[in-house]
Amino acid sequence: MPHFVTFTPNPALDLSTSVDQLVDAHKMRCEAPQTHPGGGGINVARVLHRLGADVQAIFPAGGPTGDRLHRLLRNEGVPDLMLAIAGETRESFNVHERQSGHEYRFVLPGPTLSQTEWEAGLACLQQLSPAPAWVISSGSLPPAVPTDGHARIARVARGIGARTVVDSSGPALAAALQAGVWLVKPSLRELSELSGMALDSPAMQQAAARRLIEGGQAQVVALSLGGAGAMLITANQSLQADALDVPVVSSVGAGDSFLAALVWALDRQADLADALATAMAAGAAAVMASGTGLCQPQDMERLRALVRVRPAT
């Protein structure tokens, strides 16, 4: 079995293009689209593979779109296990407006999974033998999958002895935390929703993250602060790093690149400061790539030296 397994409940074929300007009711001539395999866990697996990690991406997929996603992953050399479903895998559409520099992301809901299809995915994880060291469950849940989808994945992963990482949002994230995970990567907005209050200062943000840890919901909280950088918080440490000033081409997959580099560094026994710096560099490298190009190791290594990590204030 691979050392890392990613599970993507709702994968997507990511299409990216650009236009001069978005104009209502006009035909807008787009440039030739880029096509990438997408979805949180799949993106994490793509980056881990580039970093030389032993990883496998597991995901439900169906129809011609699912087959194409599977082929694209294979073309990148990423080991995968596609769980066949009756529905058609969704597409996501990203448009870069050249005039303003704005990026618009159109995300479809995905196919409806039957209970049998969903249970088959959980059974696949439960039967992994020997168990992987890490199970990373990331992304949205498809229609008809219960809100506790990521929570059930977390319980299965814990049952086979793997460290569980969850990156999701809304009720699905809250349910996963109630089940307990090893590492969680909320945005500031998501952490505010979980805590039920505005987190207007670093001290309040740290306190909210620590409450998750003290409540047994997570051991490590990687808090994304968007343009303000990120924090990495454990029971004993709180670290912060500012975002690097790099040219932004596309933000799609930056968080997934951050997460992949973070768990890769932690698995290699990096201390927390080094792990956060590596993750920040990977996220910065990702925004320099078009479409869902994600980070490249050489860019991550180059940018790593520019990251400054300090105790969170």
C-alpha atoms as a PDB file:
ATOM      1  CA  MET A   1       0.000   0.000   0.000  1.00  0.00           C
ATOM      2  CA  PRO A   2       1.130   3.588  -0.613  1.00  0.00           C
ATOM      3  CA  HIS A   3       2.337   5.764   2.250  1.00  0.00           C
ATOM      4  CA  PHE A   4      -0.228   8.484   1.444  1.00  0.00           C
ATOM      5  CA  VAL A   5      -3.802   7.905   0.267  1.00  0.00           C
ATOM      6  CA  THR A   6      -6.026  10.766  -0.810  1.00  0.00           C
ATOM      7  CA  PHE A   7      -9.792  10.425  -1.040  1.00  0.00           C
ATOM      8  CA  THR A   8     -11.753  12.842  -3.216  1.00  0.00           C
ATOM      9  CA  PRO A   9     -15.520  12.381  -2.800  1.00  0.00           C
ATOM     10  CA  ASN A  10     -16.428  14.793  -5.598  1.00  0.00           C
ATOM     11  CA  PRO A  11     -13.663  15.032  -8.237  1.00  0.00           C
ATOM     12  CA  ALA A  12     -13.875  17.299 -11.266  1.00  0.00           C
ATOM     13  CA  LEU A  13     -12.378  17.842 -14.663  1.00  0.00           C
ATOM     14  CA  ASP A  14     -11.023  21.386 -14.414  1.00  0.00           C
ATOM     15  CA  LEU A  15     -11.256  23.530 -17.552  1.00  0.00           C
ATOM     16  CA  SER A  16      -9.481  26.907 -17.551  1.00  0.00           C
ATOM     17  CA  THR A  17      -9.509  29.669 -20.144  1.00  0.00           C
ATOM     18  CA  SER A  18      -9.300  33.446 -20.429  1.00  0.00           C
ATOM     19  CA  VAL A  19     -11.211  36.249 -22.142  1.00  0.00           C
ATOM     20  CA  ASP A  20     -10.542  39.956 -22.565  1.00  0.00           C
ATOM     21  CA  GLN A  21     -13.659  40.946 -20.630  1.00  0.00           C
ATOM     22  CA  LEU A  22     -16.795  39.289 -19.308  1.00  0.00           C
ATOM     23  CA  VAL A  23     -19.781  41.004 -20.937  1.00  0.00           C
ATOM     24  CA  ASP A  24     -23.414  40.112 -20.332  1.00  0.00           C
ATOM     25  CA  ALA A  25     -25.292  38.564 -23.288  1.00  0.00           C
ATOM     26  CA  HIS A  26     -22.260  38.731 -25.617  1.00  0.00           C
ATOM     27  CA  LYS A  27     -20.354  35.912 -27.239  1.00  0.00           C
ATOM     28  CA  MET A  28     -16.944  35.987 -25.607  1.00  0.00           C
ATOM     29  CA  ARG A  29     -14.150  34.411 -27.620  1.00  0.00           C
ATOM     30  CA  CYS A  30     -12.069  32.299 -25.244  1.00  0.00           C
ATOM     31  CA  GLU A  31      -8.533  31.109 -25.708  1.00  0.00           C
ATOM     32  CA  ALA A  32      -7.901  27.369 -25.996  1.00  0.00           C
ATOM     33  CA  PRO A  33      -8.728  25.784 -22.632  1.00  0.00           C
ATOM     34  CA  GLN A  34      -6.335  23.976 -20.350  1.00  0.00           C
ATOM     35  CA  THR A  35      -7.645  20.738 -18.877  1.00  0.00           C
ATOM     36  CA  HIS A  36      -6.469  19.253 -15.569  1.00  0.00           C
ATOM     37  CA  PRO A  37      -7.687  16.551 -13.221  1.00  0.00           C
ATOM     38  CA  GLY A  38      -9.219  18.309 -10.227  1.00  0.00           C
ATOM     39  CA  GLY A  39     -10.826  18.018  -6.830  1.00  0.00           C
ATOM     40  CA  GLY A  40      -9.109  18.599  -3.488  1.00  0.00           C
ATOM     41  CA  GLY A  41      -7.683  15.142  -2.815  1.00  0.00           C
ATOM     42  CA  ILE A  42      -6.671  14.610  -6.436  1.00  0.00           C
ATOM     43  CA  ASN A  43      -4.750  17.888  -6.433  1.00  0.00           C
ATOM     44  CA  VAL A  44      -3.021  16.921  -3.176  1.00  0.00           C
ATOM     45  CA  ALA A  45      -2.031  13.578  -4.723  1.00  0.00           C
ATOM     46  CA  ARG A  46      -0.657  15.291  -7.832  1.00  0.00           C
ATOM     47  CA  VAL A  47       1.620  17.496  -5.728  1.00  0.00           C
ATOM     48  CA  LEU A  48       2.711  14.664  -3.432  1.00  0.00           C
ATOM     49  CA  HIS A  49       3.631  12.624  -6.511  1.00  0.00           C
ATOM     50  CA  ARG A  50       5.744  15.498  -7.851  1.00  0.00           C
ATOM     51  CA  LEU A  51       7.533  15.644  -4.505  1.00  0.00           C
ATOM     52  CA  GLY A  52       8.482  11.986  -4.836  1.00  0.00           C
ATOM     53  CA  ALA A  53       6.006  10.647  -2.285  1.00  0.00           C
ATOM     54  CA  ASP A  54       4.436   7.200  -2.491  1.00  0.00           C
ATOM     55  CA  VAL A  55       0.797   8.187  -2.985  1.00  0.00           C
ATOM     56  CA  GLN A  56      -2.450   6.857  -4.413  1.00  0.00           C
ATOM     57  CA  ALA A  57      -5.528   8.914  -5.308  1.00  0.00           C
ATOM     58  CA  ILE A  58      -8.876   7.195  -4.677  1.00  0.00           C
ATOM     59  CA  PHE A  59     -12.061   8.733  -6.054  1.00  0.00           C
ATOM     60  CA  PRO A  60     -15.497   7.838  -7.453  1.00  0.00           C
ATOM     61  CA  ALA A  61     -15.938   8.763 -11.113  1.00  0.00           C
ATOM     62  CA  GLY A  62     -18.114   7.905 -14.071  1.00  0.00           C
ATOM     63  CA  GLY A  63     -18.950   8.607 -17.683  1.00  0.00           C
ATOM     64  CA  PRO A  64     -16.653  10.002 -20.383  1.00  0.00           C
ATOM     65  CA  THR A  65     -15.621  12.893 -18.108  1.00  0.00           C
ATOM     66  CA  GLY A  66     -14.561  10.469 -15.394  1.00  0.00           C
ATOM     67  CA  ASP A  67     -12.590   8.409 -17.915  1.00  0.00           C
ATOM     68  CA  ARG A  68     -10.835  11.530 -19.162  1.00  0.00           C
ATOM     69  CA  LEU A  69      -9.953  12.595 -15.624  1.00  0.00           C
ATOM     70  CA  HIS A  70      -8.535   9.116 -15.001  1.00  0.00           C
ATOM     71  CA  ARG A  71      -6.418   9.304 -18.172  1.00  0.00           C
ATOM     72  CA  LEU A  72      -5.058  12.728 -17.262  1.00  0.00           C
ATOM     73  CA  LEU A  73      -3.960  11.433 -13.870  1.00  0.00           C
ATOM     74  CA  ARG A  74      -2.269   8.465 -15.499  1.00  0.00           C
ATOM     75  CA  ASN A  75      -0.550  10.806 -17.953  1.00  0.00           C
ATOM     76  CA  GLU A  76       0.979  12.602 -14.950  1.00  0.00           C
ATOM     77  CA  GLY A  77       2.071   9.258 -13.515  1.00  0.00           C
ATOM     78  CA  VAL A  78      -0.136   9.561 -10.431  1.00  0.00           C
ATOM     79  CA  PRO A  79      -1.230   6.124  -9.161  1.00  0.00           C
ATOM     80  CA  ASP A  80      -4.990   6.117  -8.808  1.00  0.00           C
ATOM     81  CA  LEU A  81      -7.970   3.916  -8.060  1.00  0.00           C
ATOM     82  CA  MET A  82     -11.134   5.037  -9.825  1.00  0.00           C
ATOM     83  CA  LEU A  83     -14.301   3.681  -8.239  1.00  0.00           C
ATOM     84  CA  ALA A  84     -16.848   3.373 -11.050  1.00  0.00           C
ATOM     85  CA  ILE A  85     -20.201   5.101 -10.540  1.00  0.00           C
ATOM     86  CA  ALA A  86     -23.285   5.415 -12.716  1.00  0.00           C
ATOM     87  CA  GLY A  87     -23.303   9.233 -12.805  1.00  0.00           C
ATOM     88  CA  GLU A  88     -21.177  11.551 -14.911  1.00  0.00           C
ATOM     89  CA  THR A  89     -18.203  13.216 -13.220  1.00  0.00           C
ATOM     90  CA  ARG A  90     -18.633  16.976 -13.077  1.00  0.00           C
ATOM     91  CA  GLU A  91     -16.640  19.720 -14.753  1.00  0.00           C
ATOM     92  CA  SER A  92     -15.433  22.949 -13.182  1.00  0.00           C
ATOM     93  CA  PHE A  93     -14.857  26.023 -15.323  1.00  0.00           C
ATOM     94  CA  ASN A  94     -12.384  28.795 -14.480  1.00  0.00           C
ATOM     95  CA  VAL A  95     -12.245  32.033 -16.478  1.00  0.00           C
ATOM     96  CA  HIS A  96      -9.493  34.624 -16.197  1.00  0.00           C
ATOM     97  CA  GLU A  97     -10.582  38.116 -17.255  1.00  0.00           C
ATOM     98  CA  ARG A  98      -7.503  39.710 -18.768  1.00  0.00           C
ATOM     99  CA  GLN A  99      -8.725  43.303 -18.536  1.00  0.00           C
ATOM    100  CA  SER A 100      -9.266  43.260 -14.765  1.00  0.00           C
ATOM    101  CA  GLY A 101      -7.066  40.346 -13.741  1.00  0.00           C
ATOM    102  CA  HIS A 102     -10.053  38.833 -11.940  1.00  0.00           C
ATOM    103  CA  GLU A 103     -10.640  35.092 -11.865  1.00  0.00           C
ATOM    104  CA  TYR A 104     -14.129  33.576 -12.016  1.00  0.00           C
ATOM    105  CA  ARG A 105     -14.767  30.006 -10.909  1.00  0.00           C
ATOM    106  CA  PHE A 106     -17.900  28.103 -11.907  1.00  0.00           C
ATOM    107  CA  VAL A 107     -18.329  24.933  -9.850  1.00  0.00           C
ATOM    108  CA  LEU A 108     -20.999  22.348 -10.676  1.00  0.00           C
ATOM    109  CA  PRO A 109     -22.505  20.140  -7.946  1.00  0.00           C
ATOM    110  CA  GLY A 110     -21.352  16.772  -9.239  1.00  0.00           C
ATOM    111  CA  PRO A 111     -23.178  13.475  -9.753  1.00  0.00           C
ATOM    112  CA  THR A 112     -25.529  11.959  -7.202  1.00  0.00           C
ATOM    113  CA  LEU A 113     -23.922   8.941  -5.568  1.00  0.00           C
ATOM    114  CA  SER A 114     -26.141   6.059  -4.540  1.00  0.00           C
ATOM    115  CA  GLN A 115     -25.764   4.719  -1.028  1.00  0.00           C
ATOM    116  CA  THR A 116     -24.185   1.577  -2.488  1.00  0.00           C
ATOM    117  CA  GLU A 117     -21.597   3.628  -4.405  1.00  0.00           C
ATOM    118  CA  TRP A 118     -20.739   5.708  -1.338  1.00  0.00           C
ATOM    119  CA  GLU A 119     -20.471   2.682   0.934  1.00  0.00           C
ATOM    120  CA  ALA A 120     -18.202   1.016  -1.634  1.00  0.00           C
ATOM    121  CA  GLY A 121     -15.796   3.941  -1.345  1.00  0.00           C
ATOM    122  CA  LEU A 122     -15.682   3.658   2.438  1.00  0.00           C
ATOM    123  CA  ALA A 123     -15.195  -0.103   2.187  1.00  0.00           C
ATOM    124  CA  CYS A 124     -12.288   0.451  -0.192  1.00  0.00           C
ATOM    125  CA  LEU A 125     -10.551   2.583   2.430  1.00  0.00           C
ATOM    126  CA  GLN A 126     -11.319   0.147   5.213  1.00  0.00           C
ATOM    127  CA  GLN A 127      -9.797  -2.734   3.262  1.00  0.00           C
ATOM    128  CA  LEU A 128      -6.455  -1.044   2.558  1.00  0.00           C
ATOM    129  CA  SER A 129      -3.788  -3.446   3.746  1.00  0.00           C
ATOM    130  CA  PRO A 130      -1.267  -2.690   4.977  1.00  0.00           C
ATOM    131  CA  ALA A 131      -2.747   0.622   6.006  1.00  0.00           C
ATOM    132  CA  PRO A 132      -1.248   3.876   4.704  1.00  0.00           C
ATOM    133  CA  ALA A 133       0.365   6.257   7.172  1.00  0.00           C
ATOM    134  CA  TRP A 134      -1.875   9.121   6.009  1.00  0.00           C
ATOM    135  CA  VAL A 135      -5.410   9.443   4.678  1.00  0.00           C
ATOM    136  CA  ILE A 136      -6.172  12.895   3.269  1.00  0.00           C
ATOM    137  CA  SER A 137      -9.864  13.523   2.630  1.00  0.00           C
ATOM    138  CA  SER A 138     -10.408  16.742   0.747  1.00  0.00           C
ATOM    139  CA  GLY A 139     -13.028  18.654  -1.168  1.00  0.00           C
ATOM    140  CA  SER A 140     -16.801  18.967  -1.279  1.00  0.00           C
ATOM    141  CA  LEU A 141     -19.277  16.133  -0.881  1.00  0.00           C
ATOM    142  CA  PRO A 142     -21.403  15.114  -3.870  1.00  0.00           C
ATOM    143  CA  PRO A 143     -25.198  15.330  -3.772  1.00  0.00           C
ATOM    144  CA  ALA A 144     -26.975  12.705  -1.632  1.00  0.00           C
ATOM    145  CA  VAL A 145     -23.865  11.930   0.420  1.00  0.00           C
ATOM    146  CA  PRO A 146     -24.685  12.702   4.075  1.00  0.00           C
ATOM    147  CA  THR A 147     -23.116  15.682   5.808  1.00  0.00           C
ATOM    148  CA  ASP A 148     -21.000  13.307   7.891  1.00  0.00           C
ATOM    149  CA  GLY A 149     -19.194  12.021   4.780  1.00  0.00           C
ATOM    150  CA  HIS A 150     -15.751  13.287   5.779  1.00  0.00           C
ATOM    151  CA  ALA A 151     -16.446  12.254   9.379  1.00  0.00           C
ATOM    152  CA  ARG A 152     -17.021   8.664   8.283  1.00  0.00           C
ATOM    153  CA  ILE A 153     -13.813   8.748   6.262  1.00  0.00           C
ATOM    154  CA  ALA A 154     -11.995  10.043   9.368  1.00  0.00           C
ATOM    155  CA  ARG A 155     -13.384   7.209  11.484  1.00  0.00           C
ATOM    156  CA  VAL A 156     -12.374   4.618   8.915  1.00  0.00           C
ATOM    157  CA  ALA A 157      -8.865   6.088   8.677  1.00  0.00           C
ATOM    158  CA  ARG A 158      -8.477   6.130  12.450  1.00  0.00           C
ATOM    159  CA  GLY A 159      -9.716   2.543  12.572  1.00  0.00           C
ATOM    160  CA  ILE A 160      -6.934   1.374  10.262  1.00  0.00           C
ATOM    161  CA  GLY A 161      -4.319   3.393  12.163  1.00  0.00           C
ATOM    162  CA  ALA A 162      -3.740   6.220   9.667  1.00  0.00           C
ATOM    163  CA  ARG A 163      -3.324   9.909  10.436  1.00  0.00           C
ATOM    164  CA  THR A 164      -6.356  11.709   9.083  1.00  0.00           C
ATOM    165  CA  VAL A 165      -6.242  15.083   7.336  1.00  0.00           C
ATOM    166  CA  VAL A 166      -9.472  16.839   6.337  1.00  0.00           C
ATOM    167  CA  ASP A 167      -9.906  19.906   4.153  1.00  0.00           C
ATOM    168  CA  SER A 168     -13.531  20.799   3.534  1.00  0.00           C
ATOM    169  CA  SER A 169     -16.074  23.434   4.542  1.00  0.00           C
ATOM    170  CA  GLY A 170     -19.458  24.053   6.109  1.00  0.00           C
ATOM    171  CA  PRO A 171     -21.399  21.319   7.902  1.00  0.00           C
ATOM    172  CA  ALA A 172     -19.178  18.605   6.406  1.00  0.00           C
ATOM    173  CA  LEU A 173     -16.110  20.161   8.047  1.00  0.00           C
ATOM    174  CA  ALA A 174     -17.910  20.607  11.364  1.00  0.00           C
ATOM    175  CA  ALA A 175     -18.985  16.961  11.360  1.00  0.00           C
ATOM    176  CA  ALA A 176     -15.456  15.778  10.565  1.00  0.00           C
ATOM    177  CA  LEU A 177     -14.075  17.755  13.497  1.00  0.00           C
ATOM    178  CA  GLN A 178     -16.665  16.221  15.805  1.00  0.00           C
ATOM    179  CA  ALA A 179     -15.348  12.819  14.723  1.00  0.00           C
ATOM    180  CA  GLY A 180     -11.769  13.981  15.354  1.00  0.00           C
ATOM    181  CA  VAL A 181      -8.917  14.383  12.859  1.00  0.00           C
ATOM    182  CA  TRP A 182      -5.149  14.702  13.103  1.00  0.00           C
ATOM    183  CA  LEU A 183      -4.830  17.827  10.958  1.00  0.00           C
ATOM    184  CA  VAL A 184      -7.392  20.266   9.608  1.00  0.00           C
ATOM    185  CA  LYS A 185      -6.895  23.196   7.215  1.00  0.00           C
ATOM    186  CA  PRO A 186      -9.703  25.736   7.604  1.00  0.00           C
ATOM    187  CA  SER A 187      -9.777  29.195   6.088  1.00  0.00           C
ATOM    188  CA  LEU A 188     -10.327  32.137   8.413  1.00  0.00           C
ATOM    189  CA  ARG A 189     -13.960  32.315   7.286  1.00  0.00           C
ATOM    190  CA  GLU A 190     -14.448  28.618   7.999  1.00  0.00           C
ATOM    191  CA  LEU A 191     -12.846  28.884  11.432  1.00  0.00           C
ATOM    192  CA  SER A 192     -15.071  31.885  12.202  1.00  0.00           C
ATOM    193  CA  GLU A 193     -18.140  29.859  11.232  1.00  0.00           C
ATOM    194  CA  LEU A 194     -17.010  26.956  13.400  1.00  0.00           C
ATOM    195  CA  SER A 195     -16.414  29.203  16.388  1.00  0.00           C
ATOM    196  CA  GLY A 196     -19.565  31.257  15.865  1.00  0.00           C
ATOM    197  CA  MET A 197     -17.778  34.594  16.136  1.00  0.00           C
ATOM    198  CA  ALA A 198     -15.725  37.075  14.168  1.00  0.00           C
ATOM    199  CA  LEU A 199     -12.020  36.424  14.654  1.00  0.00           C
ATOM    200  CA  ASP A 200     -10.646  39.904  14.155  1.00  0.00           C
ATOM    201  CA  SER A 201      -7.216  39.516  15.726  1.00  0.00           C
ATOM    202  CA  PRO A 202      -4.405  36.957  15.632  1.00  0.00           C
ATOM    203  CA  ALA A 203      -4.991  36.295  19.331  1.00  0.00           C
ATOM    204  CA  MET A 204      -8.637  35.434  18.676  1.00  0.00           C
ATOM    205  CA  GLN A 205      -7.669  33.259  15.726  1.00  0.00           C
ATOM    206  CA  GLN A 206      -5.160  31.331  17.811  1.00  0.00           C
ATOM    207  CA  ALA A 207      -7.656  30.913  20.620  1.00  0.00           C
ATOM    208  CA  ALA A 208     -10.289  29.516  18.238  1.00  0.00           C
ATOM    209  CA  ALA A 209      -7.786  27.038  16.791  1.00  0.00           C
ATOM    210  CA  ARG A 210      -6.659  26.017  20.281  1.00  0.00           C
ATOM    211  CA  ARG A 211     -10.259  25.312  21.277  1.00  0.00           C
ATOM    212  CA  LEU A 212     -10.420  22.744  18.479  1.00  0.00           C
ATOM    213  CA  ILE A 213      -7.241  21.146  19.787  1.00  0.00           C
ATOM    214  CA  GLU A 214      -8.265  21.219  23.441  1.00  0.00           C
ATOM    215  CA  GLY A 215     -11.629  19.716  22.498  1.00  0.00           C
ATOM    216  CA  GLY A 216      -9.922  16.738  20.848  1.00  0.00           C
ATOM    217  CA  GLN A 217     -11.178  17.697  17.394  1.00  0.00           C
ATOM    218  CA  ALA A 218      -7.705  18.114  15.857  1.00  0.00           C
ATOM    219  CA  GLN A 219      -4.055  17.920  16.870  1.00  0.00           C
ATOM    220  CA  VAL A 220      -2.808  20.398  14.283  1.00  0.00           C
ATOM    221  CA  VAL A 221      -4.656  23.373  12.771  1.00  0.00           C
ATOM    222  CA  ALA A 222      -3.280  24.933   9.582  1.00  0.00           C
ATOM    223  CA  LEU A 223      -5.178  28.206   9.334  1.00  0.00           C
ATOM    224  CA  SER A 224      -5.261  29.851   5.916  1.00  0.00           C
ATOM    225  CA  LEU A 225      -5.361  33.657   6.105  1.00  0.00           C
ATOM    226  CA  GLY A 226      -5.502  34.316   2.354  1.00  0.00           C
ATOM    227  CA  GLY A 227      -3.376  37.294   1.417  1.00  0.00           C
ATOM    228  CA  ALA A 228      -2.202  37.603   5.019  1.00  0.00           C
ATOM    229  CA  GLY A 229      -0.464  34.212   4.949  1.00  0.00           C
ATOM    230  CA  ALA A 230      -1.135  31.314   7.295  1.00  0.00           C
ATOM    231  CA  MET A 231      -0.786  30.050  10.857  1.00  0.00           C
ATOM    232  CA  LEU A 232       0.211  26.605  12.073  1.00  0.00           C
ATOM    233  CA  ILE A 233      -1.058  25.830  15.548  1.00  0.00           C
ATOM    234  CA  THR A 234      -0.598  22.882  17.903  1.00  0.00           C
ATOM    235  CA  ALA A 235      -1.137  22.453  21.623  1.00  0.00           C
ATOM    236  CA  ASN A 236       2.342  23.856  22.273  1.00  0.00           C
ATOM    237  CA  GLN A 237       3.183  26.158  19.359  1.00  0.00           C
ATOM    238  CA  SER A 238       1.635  28.907  17.269  1.00  0.00           C
ATOM    239  CA  LEU A 239       3.557  29.981  14.176  1.00  0.00           C
ATOM    240  CA  GLN A 240       2.743  32.468  11.440  1.00  0.00           C
ATOM    241  CA  ALA A 241       4.126  33.275   7.987  1.00  0.00           C
ATOM    242  CA  ASP A 242       3.231  36.100   5.636  1.00  0.00           C
ATOM    243  CA  ALA A 243       2.213  35.391   2.069  1.00  0.00           C
ATOM    244  CA  LEU A 244       4.976  35.790  -0.501  1.00  0.00           C
ATOM    245  CA  ASP A 245       4.687  38.553  -3.078  1.00  0.00           C
ATOM    246  CA  VAL A 246       4.627  36.614  -6.350  1.00  0.00           C
ATOM    247  CA  PRO A 247       2.815  37.182  -9.655  1.00  0.00           C
ATOM    248  CA  VAL A 248      -0.653  35.630  -9.429  1.00  0.00           C
ATOM    249  CA  VAL A 249      -1.831  33.760 -12.512  1.00  0.00           C
ATOM    250  CA  SER A 250      -4.436  31.466 -10.927  1.00  0.00           C
ATOM    251  CA  SER A 251      -5.393  30.760  -7.330  1.00  0.00           C
ATOM    252  CA  VAL A 252      -6.982  27.409  -8.168  1.00  0.00           C
ATOM    253  CA  GLY A 253      -5.275  24.613  -6.249  1.00  0.00           C
ATOM    254  CA  ALA A 254      -3.062  26.866  -4.125  1.00  0.00           C
ATOM    255  CA  GLY A 255      -4.592  25.548  -0.911  1.00  0.00           C
ATOM    256  CA  ASP A 256      -4.203  21.970  -2.112  1.00  0.00           C
ATOM    257  CA  SER A 257      -0.531  22.598  -2.927  1.00  0.00           C
ATOM    258  CA  PHE A 258      -0.066  24.122   0.546  1.00  0.00           C
ATOM    259  CA  LEU A 259      -1.655  21.090   2.196  1.00  0.00           C
ATOM    260  CA  ALA A 260       0.302  18.541   0.170  1.00  0.00           C
ATOM    261  CA  ALA A 261       3.637  20.197   0.956  1.00  0.00           C
ATOM    262  CA  LEU A 262       2.692  20.531   4.629  1.00  0.00           C
ATOM    263  CA  VAL A 263       1.919  16.843   5.182  1.00  0.00           C
ATOM    264  CA  TRP A 264       4.931  15.860   3.058  1.00  0.00           C
ATOM    265  CA  ALA A 265       7.222  17.951   5.260  1.00  0.00           C
ATOM    266  CA  LEU A 266       5.639  16.771   8.505  1.00  0.00           C
ATOM    267  CA  ASP A 267       5.974  13.164   7.384  1.00  0.00           C
ATOM    268  CA  ARG A 268       9.697  13.764   6.826  1.00  0.00           C
ATOM    269  CA  GLN A 269       9.975  14.831  10.488  1.00  0.00           C
ATOM    270  CA  ALA A 270      10.422  18.501   9.665  1.00  0.00           C
ATOM    271  CA  ASP A 271       9.905  20.819  12.598  1.00  0.00           C
ATOM    272  CA  LEU A 272       6.774  22.960  12.507  1.00  0.00           C
ATOM    273  CA  ALA A 273       8.559  26.090  11.287  1.00  0.00           C
ATOM    274  CA  ASP A 274      10.157  24.277   8.372  1.00  0.00           C
ATOM    275  CA  ALA A 275       6.882  22.534   7.508  1.00  0.00           C
ATOM    276  CA  LEU A 276       4.998  25.837   7.452  1.00  0.00           C
ATOM    277  CA  ALA A 277       7.691  27.489   5.323  1.00  0.00           C
ATOM    278  CA  THR A 278       7.582  24.599   2.850  1.00  0.00           C
ATOM    279  CA  ALA A 279       3.801  24.787   2.645  1.00  0.00           C
ATOM    280  CA  MET A 280       3.839  28.557   2.130  1.00  0.00           C
ATOM    281  CA  ALA A 281       6.353  28.191  -0.681  1.00  0.00           C
ATOM    282  CA  ALA A 282       4.214  25.518  -2.355  1.00  0.00           C
ATOM    283  CA  GLY A 283       1.103  27.699  -2.172  1.00  0.00           C
ATOM    284  CA  ALA A 284       2.989  30.639  -3.662  1.00  0.00           C
ATOM    285  CA  ALA A 285       4.396  28.454  -6.426  1.00  0.00           C
ATOM    286  CA  ALA A 286       0.882  27.257  -7.261  1.00  0.00           C
ATOM    287  CA  VAL A 287      -0.559  30.730  -7.881  1.00  0.00           C
ATOM    288  CA  MET A 288       2.177  31.317 -10.453  1.00  0.00           C
ATOM    289  CA  ALA A 289       0.798  28.450 -12.582  1.00  0.00           C
ATOM    290  CA  SER A 290      -2.161  28.746 -14.946  1.00  0.00           C
ATOM    291  CA  GLY A 291      -5.316  26.668 -14.604  1.00  0.00           C
ATOM    292  CA  THR A 292      -4.997  23.921 -12.037  1.00  0.00           C
ATOM    293  CA  GLY A 293      -1.307  23.584 -12.788  1.00  0.00           C
ATOM    294  CA  LEU A 294      -0.441  23.432  -9.060  1.00  0.00           C
ATOM    295  CA  CYS A 295       3.059  23.901  -7.706  1.00  0.00           C
ATOM    296  CA  GLN A 296       6.275  22.577  -9.199  1.00  0.00           C
ATOM    297  CA  PRO A 297       9.002  21.308  -6.828  1.00  0.00           C
ATOM    298  CA  GLN A 298      11.706  23.529  -8.307  1.00  0.00           C
ATOM    299  CA  ASP A 299       9.592  26.642  -7.731  1.00  0.00           C
ATOM    300  CA  MET A 300       8.752  25.499  -4.210  1.00  0.00           C
ATOM    301  CA  GLU A 301      12.418  25.013  -3.373  1.00  0.00           C
ATOM    302  CA  ARG A 302      13.363  28.407  -4.805  1.00  0.00           C
ATOM    303  CA  LEU A 303      10.638  30.242  -2.901  1.00  0.00           C
ATOM    304  CA  ARG A 304      11.223  28.318   0.321  1.00  0.00           C
ATOM    305  CA  ALA A 305      14.258  30.476   1.152  1.00  0.00           C
ATOM    306  CA  LEU A 306      12.101  33.625   1.002  1.00  0.00           C
ATOM    307  CA  VAL A 307       9.534  32.525   3.594  1.00  0.00           C
ATOM    308  CA  ARG A 308       9.888  33.981   7.067  1.00  0.00           C
ATOM    309  CA  VAL A 309       8.222  32.087   9.909  1.00  0.00           C
ATOM    310  CA  ARG A 310       7.771  33.690  13.306  1.00  0.00           C
ATOM    311  CA  PRO A 311       5.865  33.036  16.524  1.00  0.00           C
ATOM    312  CA  ALA A 312       2.261  34.132  16.061  1.00  0.00           C
ATOM    313  CA  THR A 313       1.500  37.320  17.934  1.00  0.00           C
END
